[in-house]
Amino acid sequence: MSENTKIEWTDSTFNPWEGCAKVSPGCDHCYAEARNARFAGGTAVNWGPSAPRRRTSAANWRKPISWEARPFLQCRACGWRGDQPGAANGLAVCPESRCASFDLVIARRRVFCASLADVFDNEVDLLWRRDLFRLITDTPNLDWLLLTKRIGNVPTMLRHIGVERVPDNVWLGATIVNQEEADRDIPKLLAVPARVRFLSMEPLLGPVDVRFAFADAGVICCRTCGYRTNDPSHGPCPNDGSTLRSDVGVDWVIVGGESGTEARPMHPDWARDLRDQCAAAGVPFLFKQWGEWAPGENAGYQKRTEATAHWWDGEWSFGSITPRAAETLHCDDSPDLWRCGKRAAGRHLDGRTHDEFPEAQR
């Protein structure tokens, strides 16, 4: 419900309703459920398969209309994105104090929809979903990021509200936390024609091979109907005349560890492997965060006894190390991860940030 957000992969968040139910290991420590309980006196009244979902206010629903009407900018010098008064008069300057560049261009605002819910939740009123897709259609200059743990529901639920295909300004994403979910849900994601498809692999709970999700070299397709060909002399799509593009595949991968008091560790090699898979396929990769646990180079200088985690024989072994013991620890005996907290852990993977985004095909 925020015009500005700290979520690294979006510009704004919009929640048409609130409430959900747990359907994945990634849901075990859901921040949205905890938030719902905090505002409801200790009980998450909008959580669970039979709990009522809460539609947000009419004023909240009007926010995307106001975003649509305002210029949204990106600085080509430093990457800053946001609104800037005076942009319509050509007076915009980057507000970053270390930049102050005048090289600002019009950009498309990215809106993460339903950070406190799931657009394709079975318990949501069909008419609410219809209203949402009308709003999406009415805001063609916004890129709507629809991330779901119920990707298999998408085709049927769209048909039920009279939507023949995913609108062009929708980026459709599936949450994947382990190999089982990847094997089950990525084919369902790829079966839905969409301009941009992405994976949110947070919290990442194990090693995952997603190479099968990337496009086949030399194969082109229609992002509207799914028509595919490897004929180099192709013209437009024979079904609807659309321009053919690279083969259907995942266009973007987001990876992150879990935060919160009950956070589970993410092994550095799991994140590195996904980074390398994306690099080999030319797919944009965004490393969102380590979360509560981080490797030693991110954890920093140890000032107190800290919890540690070591991955051995397919499971985590937990312990703790005092500062004095850490000083004499041989590098070969260092734990895989230290519990240093989200802020200290940061976003660096092997010494740098990874903030790659796909280009929306227009």
Protein backbone atom coordinates (compact mmCIF):
# COMPACT_ATOMS: atom_id res chain seq x y z
CA MET A 1 0.00 0.00 0.00
CA SER A 2 3.07 2.16 -0.27
CA GLU A 3 4.02 4.64 -2.98
CA ASN A 4 7.65 4.07 -1.98
CA THR A 5 8.96 0.78 -0.68
CA LYS A 6 12.21 -0.70 0.60
CA ILE A 7 11.65 -3.89 -1.40
CA GLU A 8 14.65 -3.91 -3.73
CA TRP A 9 12.92 -5.23 -6.84
CA THR A 10 9.93 -2.88 -7.03
CA ASP A 11 9.14 0.82 -6.84
CA SER A 12 5.75 0.69 -5.11
CA THR A 13 3.42 -1.81 -3.46
CA PHE A 14 -0.34 -2.05 -3.79
CA ASN A 15 -2.59 -4.35 -1.80
CA PRO A 16 -6.13 -4.73 -3.16
CA TRP A 17 -6.97 -6.96 -0.22
CA GLU A 18 -5.27 -8.60 2.75
CA GLY A 19 -5.16 -12.22 3.85
CA CYS A 20 -3.93 -15.58 2.60
CA ALA A 21 -3.29 -19.21 3.61
CA LYS A 22 -0.08 -21.22 3.87
CA VAL A 23 0.54 -23.47 0.86
CA SER A 24 4.35 -23.80 0.76
CA PRO A 25 7.37 -24.28 3.04
CA GLY A 26 8.19 -20.69 2.12
CA CYS A 27 5.05 -19.60 3.97
CA ASP A 28 6.12 -21.01 7.35
CA HIS A 29 7.29 -17.69 8.79
CA CYS A 30 5.13 -15.34 6.74
CA TYR A 31 5.75 -11.67 7.57
CA ALA A 32 2.33 -10.70 6.23
CA GLU A 33 0.57 -13.13 8.57
CA ALA A 34 2.54 -11.77 11.52
CA ARG A 35 1.61 -8.23 10.49
CA ASN A 36 -2.05 -9.18 10.22
CA ALA A 37 -1.96 -10.63 13.74
CA ARG A 38 -0.18 -7.58 15.14
CA PHE A 39 -2.87 -5.23 13.87
CA ALA A 40 -5.68 -7.54 14.98
CA GLY A 41 -4.73 -7.96 18.62
CA GLY A 42 -2.65 -11.13 18.31
CA THR A 43 -4.71 -13.28 15.94
CA ALA A 44 -4.29 -13.28 12.16
CA VAL A 45 -8.00 -12.92 11.45
CA ASN A 46 -7.55 -12.88 7.66
CA TRP A 47 -5.28 -15.93 7.49
CA GLY A 48 -6.25 -19.51 6.78
CA PRO A 49 -8.33 -21.44 4.23
CA SER A 50 -11.66 -20.38 5.74
CA ALA A 51 -10.77 -16.92 7.06
CA PRO A 52 -12.35 -13.88 5.39
CA ARG A 53 -10.11 -11.73 3.23
CA ARG A 54 -10.25 -7.96 3.83
CA ARG A 55 -10.64 -5.65 0.85
CA THR A 56 -8.71 -2.41 1.25
CA SER A 57 -10.27 1.06 1.10
CA ALA A 58 -11.50 2.90 -1.96
CA ALA A 59 -8.84 5.55 -1.29
CA ASN A 60 -6.16 2.88 -1.47
CA TRP A 61 -7.57 1.59 -4.76
CA ARG A 62 -7.26 5.09 -6.23
CA LYS A 63 -3.50 5.28 -5.60
CA PRO A 64 -2.43 3.47 -8.80
CA ILE A 65 -4.55 5.90 -10.82
CA SER A 66 -2.58 8.79 -9.32
CA TRP A 67 0.72 6.99 -10.03
CA GLU A 68 -0.36 6.50 -13.64
CA ALA A 69 -0.91 10.24 -14.02
CA ARG A 70 2.48 11.37 -12.68
CA PRO A 71 5.84 11.30 -14.48
CA PHE A 72 8.12 8.58 -13.11
CA LEU A 73 11.83 8.96 -13.71
CA GLN A 74 15.08 7.04 -13.68
CA CYS A 75 18.57 8.53 -13.47
CA ARG A 76 20.83 7.06 -16.12
CA ALA A 77 23.89 8.08 -14.13
CA CYS A 78 23.23 6.34 -10.79
CA GLY A 79 20.05 4.28 -11.30
CA TRP A 80 17.82 6.27 -8.90
CA ARG A 81 14.09 5.85 -9.64
CA GLY A 82 11.13 7.88 -8.42
CA ASP A 83 8.83 10.87 -8.76
CA GLN A 84 10.37 14.29 -9.14
CA PRO A 85 8.52 17.62 -8.90
CA GLY A 86 9.24 19.83 -11.87
CA ALA A 87 9.76 16.92 -14.25
CA ALA A 88 6.96 18.14 -16.50
CA ASN A 89 8.82 21.44 -16.94
CA GLY A 90 12.14 19.81 -17.74
CA LEU A 91 13.68 20.92 -14.42
CA ALA A 92 14.23 17.50 -12.88
CA VAL A 93 17.55 16.72 -11.22
CA CYS A 94 18.53 13.48 -9.51
CA PRO A 95 17.87 13.85 -5.76
CA GLU A 96 20.77 11.60 -4.80
CA SER A 97 23.26 13.97 -3.16
CA ARG A 98 26.25 12.10 -4.57
CA CYS A 99 24.84 12.29 -8.09
CA ALA A 100 22.74 15.41 -8.84
CA SER A 101 22.66 14.47 -12.52
CA PHE A 102 20.25 16.04 -14.99
CA ASP A 103 20.30 12.86 -17.08
CA LEU A 104 16.84 11.66 -16.05
CA VAL A 105 14.52 9.77 -18.38
CA ILE A 106 10.89 8.70 -18.20
CA ALA A 107 10.58 5.17 -16.79
CA ARG A 108 7.80 2.73 -16.00
CA ARG A 109 6.89 2.41 -12.33
CA ARG A 110 7.04 -1.19 -11.10
CA VAL A 111 4.16 -2.06 -8.76
CA PHE A 112 4.33 -5.21 -6.62
CA CYS A 113 0.70 -6.19 -6.23
CA ALA A 114 -0.51 -8.06 -3.14
CA SER A 115 2.52 -8.10 -0.85
CA LEU A 116 0.04 -8.94 1.95
CA ALA A 117 -2.00 -11.45 -0.04
CA ASP A 118 -2.03 -13.58 -3.20
CA VAL A 119 -3.89 -12.39 -6.29
CA PHE A 120 -4.76 -16.00 -7.16
CA ASP A 121 -5.84 -17.13 -3.69
CA ASN A 122 -8.85 -19.48 -3.84
CA GLU A 123 -10.66 -17.62 -1.05
CA VAL A 124 -10.71 -14.22 -2.77
CA ASP A 125 -14.01 -12.89 -4.10
CA LEU A 126 -14.10 -13.30 -7.88
CA LEU A 127 -15.43 -9.75 -8.29
CA TRP A 128 -12.46 -8.32 -6.36
CA ARG A 129 -10.10 -9.99 -8.83
CA ARG A 130 -12.15 -8.66 -11.73
CA ASP A 131 -11.87 -5.15 -10.28
CA LEU A 132 -8.11 -5.55 -9.93
CA PHE A 133 -7.61 -6.53 -13.56
CA ARG A 134 -9.74 -3.61 -14.67
CA LEU A 135 -7.44 -1.36 -12.64
CA ILE A 136 -4.40 -2.96 -14.27
CA THR A 137 -5.89 -2.33 -17.71
CA ASP A 138 -6.66 1.28 -16.76
CA THR A 139 -3.01 1.92 -15.81
CA PRO A 140 -1.04 0.88 -18.92
CA ASN A 141 2.02 2.94 -17.92
CA LEU A 142 2.56 0.90 -14.76
CA ASP A 143 4.28 -2.50 -14.80
CA TRP A 144 2.32 -4.73 -12.41
CA LEU A 145 4.37 -7.47 -10.74
CA LEU A 146 1.97 -10.28 -9.84
CA LEU A 147 3.82 -12.84 -7.72
CA THR A 148 1.92 -15.96 -6.69
CA LYS A 149 2.40 -19.25 -4.88
CA ARG A 150 -0.61 -20.58 -6.80
CA ILE A 151 0.58 -20.31 -10.39
CA GLY A 152 -1.61 -23.24 -11.43
CA ASN A 153 -4.72 -21.18 -10.66
CA VAL A 154 -3.91 -18.41 -13.12
CA PRO A 155 -5.52 -19.63 -16.39
CA THR A 156 -8.80 -20.72 -14.79
CA MET A 157 -9.15 -17.65 -12.58
CA LEU A 158 -8.54 -15.32 -15.51
CA ARG A 159 -11.20 -17.08 -17.58
CA HIS A 160 -13.66 -16.76 -14.69
CA ILE A 161 -13.37 -12.96 -14.81
CA GLY A 162 -13.45 -12.70 -18.59
CA VAL A 163 -9.73 -12.01 -19.08
CA GLU A 164 -8.51 -13.87 -22.16
CA ARG A 165 -4.80 -13.34 -21.53
CA VAL A 166 -2.44 -11.67 -19.10
CA PRO A 167 -2.33 -7.91 -19.85
CA ASP A 168 0.83 -6.62 -21.52
CA ASN A 169 1.78 -4.54 -18.48
CA VAL A 170 1.84 -7.54 -16.13
CA TRP A 171 5.02 -9.31 -15.07
CA LEU A 172 3.90 -12.75 -13.89
CA GLY A 173 5.97 -14.45 -11.20
CA ALA A 174 6.02 -17.69 -9.23
CA THR A 175 7.56 -18.19 -5.79
CA ILE A 176 10.02 -21.11 -5.80
CA VAL A 177 11.86 -22.14 -2.63
CA ASN A 178 13.17 -25.63 -3.44
CA GLN A 179 13.68 -28.09 -6.30
CA GLU A 180 10.30 -29.76 -5.78
CA GLU A 181 8.49 -26.46 -6.32
CA ALA A 182 10.69 -25.64 -9.31
CA ASP A 183 9.87 -28.92 -11.04
CA ARG A 184 6.15 -28.59 -10.27
CA ASP A 185 5.46 -24.89 -10.80
CA ILE A 186 7.88 -23.50 -13.39
CA PRO A 187 6.22 -25.45 -16.24
CA LYS A 188 2.88 -23.97 -15.12
CA LEU A 189 4.38 -20.48 -15.24
CA LEU A 190 5.80 -21.02 -18.72
CA ALA A 191 2.44 -22.30 -19.94
CA VAL A 192 0.85 -18.88 -19.33
CA PRO A 193 1.58 -16.39 -22.15
CA ALA A 194 3.01 -13.24 -20.53
CA ARG A 195 5.35 -10.43 -21.57
CA VAL A 196 7.65 -11.05 -18.60
CA ARG A 197 7.88 -14.15 -16.41
CA PHE A 198 9.98 -14.25 -13.27
CA LEU A 199 10.92 -16.39 -10.28
CA SER A 200 11.11 -15.14 -6.70
CA MET A 201 13.33 -17.64 -4.90
CA GLU A 202 12.94 -16.28 -1.40
CA PRO A 203 13.34 -17.75 1.10
CA LEU A 204 15.70 -20.06 -0.76
CA LEU A 205 15.65 -23.31 1.25
CA GLY A 206 17.86 -25.57 -0.81
CA PRO A 207 19.89 -25.96 -4.00
CA VAL A 208 17.78 -25.53 -7.13
CA ASP A 209 18.54 -26.21 -10.78
CA VAL A 210 16.41 -23.94 -12.99
CA ARG A 211 18.33 -24.30 -16.25
CA PHE A 212 15.36 -26.08 -17.81
CA ALA A 213 13.36 -22.86 -17.32
CA PHE A 214 15.49 -20.77 -19.65
CA ALA A 215 14.72 -20.19 -23.33
CA ASP A 216 16.13 -22.45 -26.05
CA ALA A 217 18.69 -20.69 -28.21
CA GLY A 218 17.47 -20.10 -31.76
CA VAL A 219 13.80 -20.70 -30.95
CA ILE A 220 11.37 -17.80 -31.18
CA CYS A 221 7.79 -17.53 -30.05
CA CYS A 222 4.70 -15.38 -29.75
CA ARG A 223 4.38 -13.99 -26.22
CA THR A 224 0.61 -13.68 -26.77
CA CYS A 225 -0.49 -17.13 -27.95
CA GLY A 226 2.60 -19.28 -27.39
CA TYR A 227 3.31 -20.13 -31.07
CA ARG A 228 6.93 -21.34 -31.49
CA THR A 229 9.28 -21.81 -34.43
CA ASN A 230 12.99 -22.16 -35.18
CA ASP A 231 12.63 -21.00 -38.78
CA PRO A 232 15.16 -18.15 -39.28
CA SER A 233 13.03 -16.67 -42.10
CA HIS A 234 10.01 -16.19 -39.89
CA GLY A 235 7.57 -13.32 -40.19
CA PRO A 236 4.98 -12.21 -37.63
CA CYS A 237 2.92 -14.71 -35.65
CA PRO A 238 0.58 -16.55 -38.08
CA ASN A 239 -2.13 -16.61 -35.41
CA ASP A 240 -2.45 -12.96 -34.40
CA GLY A 241 0.23 -10.99 -36.25
CA SER A 242 2.33 -10.26 -33.14
CA THR A 243 6.09 -9.79 -33.41
CA LEU A 244 7.91 -13.02 -32.60
CA ARG A 245 10.53 -12.87 -29.85
CA SER A 246 12.98 -15.20 -28.14
CA ASP A 247 11.65 -18.51 -26.89
CA VAL A 248 9.36 -18.81 -23.90
CA GLY A 249 11.45 -18.94 -20.77
CA VAL A 250 11.95 -17.30 -17.42
CA ASP A 251 13.00 -13.69 -17.96
CA TRP A 252 14.23 -12.81 -14.46
CA VAL A 253 15.32 -14.52 -11.23
CA ILE A 254 15.22 -12.97 -7.74
CA VAL A 255 17.06 -14.77 -4.92
CA GLY A 256 17.05 -14.05 -1.21
CA GLY A 257 17.43 -15.50 2.26
CA GLU A 258 14.90 -15.42 5.07
CA SER A 259 14.67 -12.72 7.72
CA GLY A 260 12.91 -12.67 11.07
CA THR A 261 13.33 -14.37 14.43
CA GLU A 262 12.75 -17.89 13.05
CA ALA A 263 14.69 -17.41 9.82
CA ARG A 264 16.20 -20.45 8.14
CA PRO A 265 19.71 -20.21 6.63
CA MET A 266 20.51 -20.00 2.92
CA HIS A 267 23.82 -21.59 1.93
CA PRO A 268 26.06 -19.24 -0.10
CA ASP A 269 26.61 -21.93 -2.74
CA TRP A 270 22.86 -22.11 -3.45
CA ALA A 271 22.78 -18.41 -4.30
CA ARG A 272 26.05 -18.53 -6.26
CA ASP A 273 24.84 -21.46 -8.34
CA LEU A 274 21.64 -19.66 -9.33
CA ARG A 275 23.65 -16.54 -10.16
CA ASP A 276 25.88 -18.61 -12.43
CA GLN A 277 22.95 -20.40 -14.06
CA CYS A 278 21.42 -17.03 -14.91
CA ALA A 279 24.71 -15.63 -16.21
CA ALA A 280 25.21 -18.61 -18.51
CA ALA A 281 21.71 -18.15 -19.96
CA GLY A 282 21.84 -14.35 -20.15
CA VAL A 283 18.94 -14.03 -17.70
CA PRO A 284 18.86 -11.00 -15.34
CA PHE A 285 19.63 -11.91 -11.71
CA LEU A 286 18.78 -9.89 -8.60
CA PHE A 287 20.18 -10.81 -5.21
CA LYS A 288 17.73 -9.33 -2.73
CA GLN A 289 19.28 -10.11 0.65
CA TRP A 290 21.07 -12.64 2.83
CA GLY A 291 18.44 -12.27 5.51
CA GLU A 292 19.23 -13.20 9.09
CA TRP A 293 22.22 -15.43 8.23
CA ALA A 294 25.31 -14.53 6.21
CA PRO A 295 28.80 -15.88 5.42
CA GLY A 296 31.78 -14.55 7.33
CA GLU A 297 32.80 -11.95 4.76
CA ASN A 298 29.37 -10.34 5.14
CA ALA A 299 28.89 -10.89 8.86
CA GLY A 300 31.81 -8.64 9.76
CA TYR A 301 33.81 -8.42 13.00
CA GLN A 302 32.38 -10.55 15.81
CA LYS A 303 31.70 -8.61 19.02
CA ARG A 304 29.68 -11.19 20.95
CA THR A 305 28.81 -14.87 20.99
CA GLU A 306 26.92 -15.58 17.78
CA ALA A 307 24.88 -18.47 16.46
CA THR A 308 26.41 -20.39 13.57
CA ALA A 309 25.15 -22.81 10.94
CA HIS A 310 27.00 -25.51 9.01
CA TRP A 311 25.52 -27.50 6.12
CA TRP A 312 26.51 -31.13 6.37
CA ASP A 313 25.12 -34.21 4.65
CA GLY A 314 21.97 -32.45 3.49
CA GLU A 315 20.96 -30.76 6.71
CA TRP A 316 21.87 -27.83 8.94
CA SER A 317 23.94 -28.20 12.09
CA PHE A 318 23.63 -25.25 14.49
CA GLY A 319 26.02 -24.03 17.16
CA SER A 320 27.59 -20.88 18.56
CA ILE A 321 31.06 -19.34 18.76
CA THR A 322 32.47 -16.77 21.18
CA PRO A 323 34.64 -13.88 19.92
CA ARG A 324 37.72 -15.40 21.57
CA ALA A 325 37.15 -18.79 19.95
CA ALA A 326 36.55 -17.11 16.59
CA GLU A 327 39.98 -15.42 16.73
CA THR A 328 41.76 -18.79 16.75
CA LEU A 329 39.40 -20.50 14.30
CA HIS A 330 41.13 -21.98 11.25
CA CYS A 331 39.53 -20.93 7.97
CA ASP A 332 38.74 -24.57 7.14
CA ASP A 333 36.74 -24.84 10.37
CA SER A 334 34.77 -21.63 9.91
CA PRO A 335 30.99 -22.12 9.83
CA ASP A 336 29.12 -21.67 6.58
CA LEU A 337 26.95 -18.93 8.07
CA TRP A 338 26.77 -16.58 11.04
CA ARG A 339 23.58 -15.19 12.50
CA CYS A 340 24.38 -11.49 12.30
CA GLY A 341 20.98 -10.00 11.41
CA LYS A 342 19.54 -8.69 8.15
CA ARG A 343 21.07 -5.21 8.34
CA ALA A 344 24.61 -6.43 9.01
CA ALA A 345 24.31 -9.21 6.43
CA GLY A 346 23.48 -6.79 3.64
CA ARG A 347 23.03 -7.60 -0.04
CA HIS A 348 26.54 -8.33 -1.31
CA LEU A 349 27.13 -11.69 -2.94
CA ASP A 350 30.86 -12.30 -3.38
CA GLY A 351 31.64 -8.65 -2.80
CA ARG A 352 29.08 -6.93 -5.00
CA THR A 353 25.39 -6.24 -5.44
CA HIS A 354 23.38 -7.86 -8.23
CA ASP A 355 20.51 -5.63 -9.35
CA GLU A 356 19.63 -6.77 -12.83
CA PHE A 357 16.14 -6.30 -14.29
CA PRO A 358 14.44 -7.49 -17.47
CA GLU A 359 13.29 -5.13 -20.16
CA ALA A 360 9.53 -5.30 -20.57
CA GLN A 361 8.74 -6.32 -24.13
CA ARG A 362 6.37 -3.73 -25.58
